[in-house]
Amino acid sequence: MIETKTAKSDLKIPVFATEAEEAKWWYDNEDLVADEFVKAAREGRLRVGSVRARLEGREPEFLPPMEIDDEDSK
């Protein structure tokens, strides 16, 4: 199976043969994805409007790092 590694992340997303296979992977790994989102927010790696920005030929804007209470991220 071919996998795609996301930028600045250890999260590996497989290449899926079917939409059903992809849906199952995202469902089975929702906690892992949520943890990665929290990590990215803390590190200031979240971007806003990246698809639109790229279509317009510009770089997306980064959000500032977020302070996330560990109790909220569980």
N, C-alpha and C. Protein backbone atom coordinates (compact mmCIF):
# COMPACT_ATOMS: atom_id res chain seq x y z
N MET A 1 0.85 -1.19 0.00
CA MET A 1 0.00 0.00 0.00
C MET A 1 0.89 1.24 0.00
N ILE A 2 0.59 2.18 -0.85
CA ILE A 2 1.30 3.45 -0.91
C ILE A 2 0.69 4.37 0.14
N GLU A 3 1.55 5.09 0.85
CA GLU A 3 1.06 6.02 1.87
C GLU A 3 1.59 7.41 1.58
N THR A 4 0.83 8.38 2.02
CA THR A 4 1.23 9.78 1.91
C THR A 4 1.52 10.30 3.30
N LYS A 5 2.70 10.89 3.50
CA LYS A 5 3.02 11.48 4.79
C LYS A 5 2.70 12.96 4.71
N THR A 6 1.97 13.45 5.70
CA THR A 6 1.61 14.86 5.71
C THR A 6 2.80 15.71 6.15
N ALA A 7 2.84 16.95 5.72
CA ALA A 7 3.94 17.85 6.05
C ALA A 7 4.07 18.05 7.55
N LYS A 8 5.28 17.95 8.05
CA LYS A 8 5.58 18.18 9.47
C LYS A 8 4.73 17.32 10.40
N SER A 9 4.45 16.12 9.99
CA SER A 9 3.61 15.24 10.79
C SER A 9 4.05 13.81 10.61
N ASP A 10 3.79 13.00 11.61
CA ASP A 10 4.07 11.57 11.50
C ASP A 10 2.85 10.80 11.01
N LEU A 11 1.75 11.51 10.78
CA LEU A 11 0.52 10.89 10.32
C LEU A 11 0.68 10.42 8.88
N LYS A 12 0.44 9.15 8.64
CA LYS A 12 0.54 8.59 7.30
C LYS A 12 -0.85 8.24 6.81
N ILE A 13 -1.23 8.83 5.69
CA ILE A 13 -2.55 8.60 5.12
C ILE A 13 -2.38 7.71 3.89
N PRO A 14 -3.00 6.55 3.89
CA PRO A 14 -2.85 5.64 2.75
C PRO A 14 -3.51 6.18 1.49
N VAL A 15 -3.11 5.63 0.37
CA VAL A 15 -3.82 5.88 -0.89
C VAL A 15 -4.91 4.82 -0.96
N PHE A 16 -6.14 5.25 -1.17
CA PHE A 16 -7.28 4.35 -1.09
C PHE A 16 -7.74 3.90 -2.46
N ALA A 17 -8.17 2.64 -2.54
CA ALA A 17 -8.68 2.09 -3.80
C ALA A 17 -10.13 2.50 -4.04
N THR A 18 -10.88 2.68 -2.95
CA THR A 18 -12.29 3.03 -3.08
C THR A 18 -12.66 4.10 -2.06
N GLU A 19 -13.77 4.76 -2.32
CA GLU A 19 -14.27 5.76 -1.39
C GLU A 19 -14.68 5.10 -0.07
N ALA A 20 -15.22 3.91 -0.15
CA ALA A 20 -15.63 3.18 1.07
C ALA A 20 -14.41 2.85 1.93
N GLU A 21 -13.33 2.46 1.30
CA GLU A 21 -12.09 2.17 2.03
C GLU A 21 -11.57 3.43 2.72
N GLU A 22 -11.64 4.56 2.02
CA GLU A 22 -11.20 5.82 2.60
C GLU A 22 -12.07 6.22 3.79
N ALA A 23 -13.39 6.10 3.63
CA ALA A 23 -14.32 6.46 4.71
C ALA A 23 -14.05 5.62 5.95
N LYS A 24 -13.81 4.33 5.75
CA LYS A 24 -13.54 3.44 6.88
C LYS A 24 -12.24 3.84 7.58
N TRP A 25 -11.20 4.19 6.80
CA TRP A 25 -9.92 4.57 7.40
C TRP A 25 -10.09 5.82 8.25
N TRP A 26 -10.79 6.85 7.73
CA TRP A 26 -10.98 8.08 8.49
C TRP A 26 -11.80 7.82 9.75
N TYR A 27 -12.80 6.96 9.65
CA TYR A 27 -13.62 6.62 10.82
C TYR A 27 -12.78 5.88 11.85
N ASP A 28 -12.02 4.89 11.43
CA ASP A 28 -11.21 4.08 12.33
C ASP A 28 -10.08 4.88 12.97
N ASN A 29 -9.66 5.97 12.35
CA ASN A 29 -8.51 6.75 12.84
C ASN A 29 -8.89 8.15 13.30
N GLU A 30 -10.17 8.37 13.63
CA GLU A 30 -10.60 9.71 14.00
C GLU A 30 -9.87 10.26 15.22
N ASP A 31 -9.55 9.42 16.19
CA ASP A 31 -8.82 9.90 17.38
C ASP A 31 -7.40 10.32 17.01
N LEU A 32 -6.75 9.55 16.16
CA LEU A 32 -5.41 9.87 15.70
C LEU A 32 -5.40 11.20 14.94
N VAL A 33 -6.39 11.39 14.07
CA VAL A 33 -6.50 12.63 13.30
C VAL A 33 -6.79 13.82 14.23
N ALA A 34 -7.66 13.62 15.20
CA ALA A 34 -7.98 14.69 16.15
C ALA A 34 -6.75 15.07 16.97
N ASP A 35 -5.98 14.09 17.40
CA ASP A 35 -4.75 14.36 18.15
C ASP A 35 -3.77 15.16 17.29
N GLU A 36 -3.66 14.80 16.01
CA GLU A 36 -2.76 15.52 15.10
C GLU A 36 -3.23 16.95 14.89
N PHE A 37 -4.55 17.15 14.83
CA PHE A 37 -5.10 18.51 14.69
C PHE A 37 -4.72 19.36 15.89
N VAL A 38 -4.86 18.82 17.09
CA VAL A 38 -4.51 19.56 18.32
C VAL A 38 -3.02 19.89 18.30
N LYS A 39 -2.20 18.92 17.91
CA LYS A 39 -0.75 19.14 17.84
C LYS A 39 -0.43 20.26 16.84
N ALA A 40 -1.07 20.23 15.68
CA ALA A 40 -0.84 21.26 14.66
C ALA A 40 -1.29 22.63 15.16
N ALA A 41 -2.40 22.68 15.89
CA ALA A 41 -2.89 23.95 16.43
C ALA A 41 -1.89 24.52 17.42
N ARG A 42 -1.35 23.68 18.27
CA ARG A 42 -0.36 24.14 19.26
C ARG A 42 0.91 24.65 18.60
N GLU A 43 1.28 24.02 17.49
CA GLU A 43 2.52 24.38 16.81
C GLU A 43 2.34 25.48 15.77
N GLY A 44 1.10 25.96 15.59
CA GLY A 44 0.85 27.02 14.63
C GLY A 44 0.93 26.58 13.18
N ARG A 45 0.57 25.31 12.91
CA ARG A 45 0.64 24.78 11.54
C ARG A 45 -0.71 24.78 10.82
N LEU A 46 -1.75 25.32 11.44
CA LEU A 46 -3.05 25.36 10.79
C LEU A 46 -3.11 26.54 9.83
N ARG A 47 -3.75 26.31 8.67
CA ARG A 47 -3.86 27.37 7.68
C ARG A 47 -5.33 27.63 7.39
N VAL A 48 -5.60 28.83 6.90
CA VAL A 48 -6.96 29.23 6.56
C VAL A 48 -7.05 29.47 5.06
N GLY A 49 -8.07 28.89 4.43
CA GLY A 49 -8.32 29.16 3.03
C GLY A 49 -7.25 28.68 2.08
N SER A 50 -6.62 27.55 2.38
CA SER A 50 -5.49 27.12 1.56
C SER A 50 -5.88 26.77 0.13
N VAL A 51 -7.03 26.17 -0.08
CA VAL A 51 -7.45 25.82 -1.45
C VAL A 51 -7.71 27.08 -2.26
N ARG A 52 -8.49 27.98 -1.71
CA ARG A 52 -8.80 29.23 -2.42
C ARG A 52 -7.52 30.02 -2.69
N ALA A 53 -6.64 30.11 -1.70
CA ALA A 53 -5.40 30.87 -1.89
C ALA A 53 -4.58 30.31 -3.03
N ARG A 54 -4.45 29.01 -3.08
CA ARG A 54 -3.65 28.39 -4.14
C ARG A 54 -4.30 28.60 -5.51
N LEU A 55 -5.63 28.54 -5.56
CA LEU A 55 -6.32 28.81 -6.83
C LEU A 55 -6.09 30.24 -7.29
N GLU A 56 -5.92 31.14 -6.33
CA GLU A 56 -5.67 32.55 -6.64
C GLU A 56 -4.18 32.85 -6.81
N GLY A 57 -3.33 31.81 -6.69
CA GLY A 57 -1.90 31.98 -6.89
C GLY A 57 -1.17 32.61 -5.73
N ARG A 58 -1.70 32.48 -4.53
CA ARG A 58 -1.02 33.04 -3.36
C ARG A 58 -0.91 31.97 -2.27
N GLU A 59 -0.09 32.23 -1.29
CA GLU A 59 0.09 31.30 -0.17
C GLU A 59 -1.04 31.49 0.85
N PRO A 60 -1.49 30.40 1.47
CA PRO A 60 -2.52 30.52 2.50
C PRO A 60 -1.98 31.19 3.76
N GLU A 61 -2.89 31.74 4.54
CA GLU A 61 -2.52 32.39 5.79
C GLU A 61 -2.44 31.34 6.90
N PHE A 62 -1.46 31.51 7.76
CA PHE A 62 -1.33 30.62 8.91
C PHE A 62 -2.04 31.22 10.11
N LEU A 63 -2.68 30.39 10.90
CA LEU A 63 -3.26 30.85 12.15
C LEU A 63 -2.15 30.87 13.20
N PRO A 64 -2.21 31.79 14.16
CA PRO A 64 -1.20 31.77 15.22
C PRO A 64 -1.38 30.52 16.07
N PRO A 65 -0.30 30.07 16.73
CA PRO A 65 -0.44 28.90 17.60
C PRO A 65 -1.56 29.12 18.62
N MET A 66 -2.27 28.04 18.93
CA MET A 66 -3.38 28.12 19.87
C MET A 66 -2.99 27.48 21.19
N GLU A 67 -3.41 28.12 22.27
CA GLU A 67 -3.23 27.50 23.58
C GLU A 67 -4.42 26.60 23.82
N ILE A 68 -4.16 25.31 23.95
CA ILE A 68 -5.23 24.33 24.14
C ILE A 68 -5.02 23.66 25.47
N ASP A 69 -6.03 23.74 26.30
CA ASP A 69 -5.98 23.09 27.60
C ASP A 69 -6.00 21.59 27.39
N ASP A 70 -5.11 20.85 28.05
CA ASP A 70 -5.06 19.40 27.89
C ASP A 70 -6.39 18.74 28.22
N GLU A 71 -7.16 19.31 29.10
CA GLU A 71 -8.46 18.75 29.44
C GLU A 71 -9.42 18.83 28.27
N ASP A 72 -9.29 19.90 27.45
CA ASP A 72 -10.16 20.09 26.29
C ASP A 72 -9.80 19.17 25.14
N SER A 73 -8.58 18.67 25.11
CA SER A 73 -8.12 17.88 23.97
C SER A 73 -8.31 16.38 24.17
N LYS A 74 -9.02 15.99 25.19
CA LYS A 74 -9.23 14.55 25.44
C LYS A 74 -10.56 14.10 24.93
